Amino acid sequence: MANLLGPWGEAQAADYLRRKGYTLVAANYRCRFGEIDLIVRNRRYLVFVEVKLRKSAGFAQAREFVDFRKQQRIRATASMYLSRYPTSLQPRFDVIEIYAPQGMETKKLTINHLEDAFE
């Protein structure tokens, strides 16, 4: 069951972003440097999104798990993506925190979208 939570959380984030006017470009993009959960775009930005799903912020806020090393891996992976798929859009790094107290049974998720979370 736990291994289904990650993809479920990413699907919730993708739906949320679609409702905000973003278009999904890729999900779970992988290369030798790492993985990016979602890549979305709008008219101005190509956004590399890290999704963090937690039951609560009791231990720490979900964004705190995107530490410097994780940011470095995401940056390197994004650079690889951009070298393969050039774009005129401005790249941006976002974090989406999803709090689901009852896991996949949660009726009302709390979603925090942190735009430009790191450079």
C-alpha atoms as a PDB file:
ATOM      1  CA  MET A   1       0.000   0.000   0.000  1.00  0.00           C
ATOM      2  CA  ALA A   2       2.787   2.453   0.902  1.00  0.00           C
ATOM      3  CA  ASN A   3       4.356   2.110  -2.551  1.00  0.00           C
ATOM      4  CA  LEU A   4       1.072   3.329  -4.082  1.00  0.00           C
ATOM      5  CA  LEU A   5       1.074   6.560  -2.071  1.00  0.00           C
ATOM      6  CA  GLY A   6       3.852   8.249  -4.082  1.00  0.00           C
ATOM      7  CA  PRO A   7       2.165   7.851  -7.475  1.00  0.00           C
ATOM      8  CA  TRP A   8      -1.194   8.766  -5.899  1.00  0.00           C
ATOM      9  CA  GLY A   9       0.275  11.975  -4.452  1.00  0.00           C
ATOM     10  CA  GLU A  10       1.882  12.850  -7.776  1.00  0.00           C
ATOM     11  CA  ALA A  11      -1.462  12.319  -9.543  1.00  0.00           C
ATOM     12  CA  GLN A  12      -3.151  14.658  -7.012  1.00  0.00           C
ATOM     13  CA  ALA A  13      -0.443  17.281  -7.650  1.00  0.00           C
ATOM     14  CA  ALA A  14      -0.813  16.903 -11.438  1.00  0.00           C
ATOM     15  CA  ASP A  15      -4.601  17.401 -11.163  1.00  0.00           C
ATOM     16  CA  TYR A  16      -4.083  20.451  -8.966  1.00  0.00           C
ATOM     17  CA  LEU A  17      -1.617  21.963 -11.463  1.00  0.00           C
ATOM     18  CA  ARG A  18      -3.956  21.250 -14.402  1.00  0.00           C
ATOM     19  CA  ARG A  19      -6.698  23.155 -12.585  1.00  0.00           C
ATOM     20  CA  LYS A  20      -4.246  26.075 -12.218  1.00  0.00           C
ATOM     21  CA  GLY A  21      -3.687  26.150 -15.986  1.00  0.00           C
ATOM     22  CA  TYR A  22      -0.494  24.110 -16.320  1.00  0.00           C
ATOM     23  CA  THR A  23       0.036  21.409 -18.950  1.00  0.00           C
ATOM     24  CA  LEU A  24       1.738  18.175 -17.942  1.00  0.00           C
ATOM     25  CA  VAL A  25       4.899  17.626 -19.991  1.00  0.00           C
ATOM     26  CA  ALA A  26       6.387  14.601 -18.188  1.00  0.00           C
ATOM     27  CA  ALA A  27       5.954  12.542 -15.033  1.00  0.00           C
ATOM     28  CA  ASN A  28       8.758  10.702 -13.262  1.00  0.00           C
ATOM     29  CA  TYR A  29      11.456  11.921 -15.647  1.00  0.00           C
ATOM     30  CA  ARG A  30      14.617   9.941 -14.897  1.00  0.00           C
ATOM     31  CA  CYS A  31      18.229  10.195 -15.944  1.00  0.00           C
ATOM     32  CA  ARG A  32      21.542   9.194 -14.408  1.00  0.00           C
ATOM     33  CA  PHE A  33      21.454  12.208 -12.065  1.00  0.00           C
ATOM     34  CA  GLY A  34      18.069  11.561 -10.508  1.00  0.00           C
ATOM     35  CA  GLU A  35      14.336  11.901 -10.974  1.00  0.00           C
ATOM     36  CA  ILE A  36      11.868  14.762 -11.261  1.00  0.00           C
ATOM     37  CA  ASP A  37       8.321  13.963 -10.166  1.00  0.00           C
ATOM     38  CA  LEU A  38       6.490  16.276 -12.573  1.00  0.00           C
ATOM     39  CA  ILE A  39       7.444  18.623 -15.374  1.00  0.00           C
ATOM     40  CA  VAL A  40       4.693  21.081 -16.313  1.00  0.00           C
ATOM     41  CA  ARG A  41       4.462  24.226 -18.377  1.00  0.00           C
ATOM     42  CA  ASN A  42       2.383  27.312 -18.799  1.00  0.00           C
ATOM     43  CA  ARG A  43       2.851  30.244 -21.170  1.00  0.00           C
ATOM     44  CA  ARG A  44       5.888  31.534 -19.308  1.00  0.00           C
ATOM     45  CA  TYR A  45       7.549  28.723 -17.356  1.00  0.00           C
ATOM     46  CA  LEU A  46       8.761  25.168 -17.663  1.00  0.00           C
ATOM     47  CA  VAL A  47       8.377  23.989 -14.086  1.00  0.00           C
ATOM     48  CA  PHE A  48      10.257  21.127 -12.454  1.00  0.00           C
ATOM     49  CA  VAL A  49       8.098  19.963  -9.552  1.00  0.00           C
ATOM     50  CA  GLU A  50       9.077  17.936  -6.500  1.00  0.00           C
ATOM     51  CA  VAL A  51       6.013  16.444  -4.796  1.00  0.00           C
ATOM     52  CA  LYS A  52       6.148  15.676  -1.074  1.00  0.00           C
ATOM     53  CA  LEU A  53       3.280  13.739   0.495  1.00  0.00           C
ATOM     54  CA  ARG A  54       2.916  13.485   4.271  1.00  0.00           C
ATOM     55  CA  LYS A  55       0.168  12.608   6.708  1.00  0.00           C
ATOM     56  CA  SER A  56       0.891  15.749   8.721  1.00  0.00           C
ATOM     57  CA  ALA A  57       3.441  18.468   9.377  1.00  0.00           C
ATOM     58  CA  GLY A  58       3.825  17.215  12.961  1.00  0.00           C
ATOM     59  CA  PHE A  59       7.416  16.029  12.502  1.00  0.00           C
ATOM     60  CA  ALA A  60       8.447  18.617   9.899  1.00  0.00           C
ATOM     61  CA  GLN A  61       6.926  20.432   6.970  1.00  0.00           C
ATOM     62  CA  ALA A  62       7.108  18.390   3.778  1.00  0.00           C
ATOM     63  CA  ARG A  63       9.218  21.079   2.075  1.00  0.00           C
ATOM     64  CA  GLU A  64      11.972  20.510   4.630  1.00  0.00           C
ATOM     65  CA  PHE A  65      12.650  17.130   3.012  1.00  0.00           C
ATOM     66  CA  VAL A  66      13.813  18.906  -0.149  1.00  0.00           C
ATOM     67  CA  ASP A  67      17.244  19.604   1.287  1.00  0.00           C
ATOM     68  CA  PHE A  68      20.309  21.029  -0.451  1.00  0.00           C
ATOM     69  CA  ARG A  69      21.478  17.631  -1.780  1.00  0.00           C
ATOM     70  CA  LYS A  70      18.005  16.868  -3.164  1.00  0.00           C
ATOM     71  CA  GLN A  71      17.919  20.319  -4.793  1.00  0.00           C
ATOM     72  CA  GLN A  72      21.321  19.654  -6.401  1.00  0.00           C
ATOM     73  CA  ARG A  73      20.066  16.353  -7.875  1.00  0.00           C
ATOM     74  CA  ILE A  74      16.913  18.026  -9.178  1.00  0.00           C
ATOM     75  CA  ARG A  75      18.971  20.840 -10.758  1.00  0.00           C
ATOM     76  CA  ALA A  76      21.317  18.343 -12.453  1.00  0.00           C
ATOM     77  CA  THR A  77      18.364  16.303 -13.729  1.00  0.00           C
ATOM     78  CA  ALA A  78      16.654  19.465 -15.013  1.00  0.00           C
ATOM     79  CA  SER A  79      19.861  20.479 -16.825  1.00  0.00           C
ATOM     80  CA  MET A  80      19.959  17.084 -18.521  1.00  0.00           C
ATOM     81  CA  TYR A  81      16.290  17.425 -19.500  1.00  0.00           C
ATOM     82  CA  LEU A  82      16.884  20.919 -20.932  1.00  0.00           C
ATOM     83  CA  SER A  83      19.895  19.734 -22.927  1.00  0.00           C
ATOM     84  CA  ARG A  84      17.702  17.037 -24.524  1.00  0.00           C
ATOM     85  CA  TYR A  85      14.575  19.165 -24.889  1.00  0.00           C
ATOM     86  CA  PRO A  86      15.520  22.848 -25.359  1.00  0.00           C
ATOM     87  CA  THR A  87      12.804  25.408 -24.668  1.00  0.00           C
ATOM     88  CA  SER A  88      12.347  29.165 -24.755  1.00  0.00           C
ATOM     89  CA  LEU A  89      10.358  28.955 -21.512  1.00  0.00           C
ATOM     90  CA  GLN A  90      11.925  30.149 -18.261  1.00  0.00           C
ATOM     91  CA  PRO A  91      12.787  27.164 -16.022  1.00  0.00           C
ATOM     92  CA  ARG A  92      11.495  27.199 -12.449  1.00  0.00           C
ATOM     93  CA  PHE A  93      11.668  24.805  -9.491  1.00  0.00           C
ATOM     94  CA  ASP A  94       8.528  24.300  -7.411  1.00  0.00           C
ATOM     95  CA  VAL A  95       7.672  22.091  -4.453  1.00  0.00           C
ATOM     96  CA  ILE A  96       4.158  20.830  -3.841  1.00  0.00           C
ATOM     97  CA  GLU A  97       3.373  19.681  -0.316  1.00  0.00           C
ATOM     98  CA  ILE A  98       0.384  17.413   0.072  1.00  0.00           C
ATOM     99  CA  TYR A  99      -0.979  16.584   3.494  1.00  0.00           C
ATOM    100  CA  ALA A 100      -3.285  13.557   3.538  1.00  0.00           C
ATOM    101  CA  PRO A 101      -4.026  12.528   7.156  1.00  0.00           C
ATOM    102  CA  GLN A 102      -5.888   9.366   6.087  1.00  0.00           C
ATOM    103  CA  GLY A 103      -3.597   8.560   3.179  1.00  0.00           C
ATOM    104  CA  MET A 104      -5.455   7.673   0.007  1.00  0.00           C
ATOM    105  CA  GLU A 105      -8.740   7.734   1.969  1.00  0.00           C
ATOM    106  CA  THR A 106      -8.365  11.453   2.712  1.00  0.00           C
ATOM    107  CA  LYS A 107     -11.397  13.368   1.430  1.00  0.00           C
ATOM    108  CA  LYS A 108      -9.983  16.906   1.658  1.00  0.00           C
ATOM    109  CA  LEU A 109      -6.278  17.218   0.963  1.00  0.00           C
ATOM    110  CA  THR A 110      -4.215  20.190   1.992  1.00  0.00           C
ATOM    111  CA  ILE A 111      -2.028  21.227  -0.951  1.00  0.00           C
ATOM    112  CA  ASN A 112       0.644  23.924  -0.659  1.00  0.00           C
ATOM    113  CA  HIS A 113       2.238  25.008  -3.928  1.00  0.00           C
ATOM    114  CA  LEU A 114       5.598  26.693  -3.331  1.00  0.00           C
ATOM    115  CA  GLU A 115       6.544  28.435  -6.553  1.00  0.00           C
ATOM    116  CA  ASP A 116      10.205  29.183  -7.199  1.00  0.00           C
ATOM    117  CA  ALA A 117      11.091  27.128  -4.124  1.00  0.00           C
ATOM    118  CA  PHE A 118      14.810  27.134  -4.985  1.00  0.00           C
ATOM    119  CA  GLU A 119      17.040  28.315  -7.810  1.00  0.00           C
END
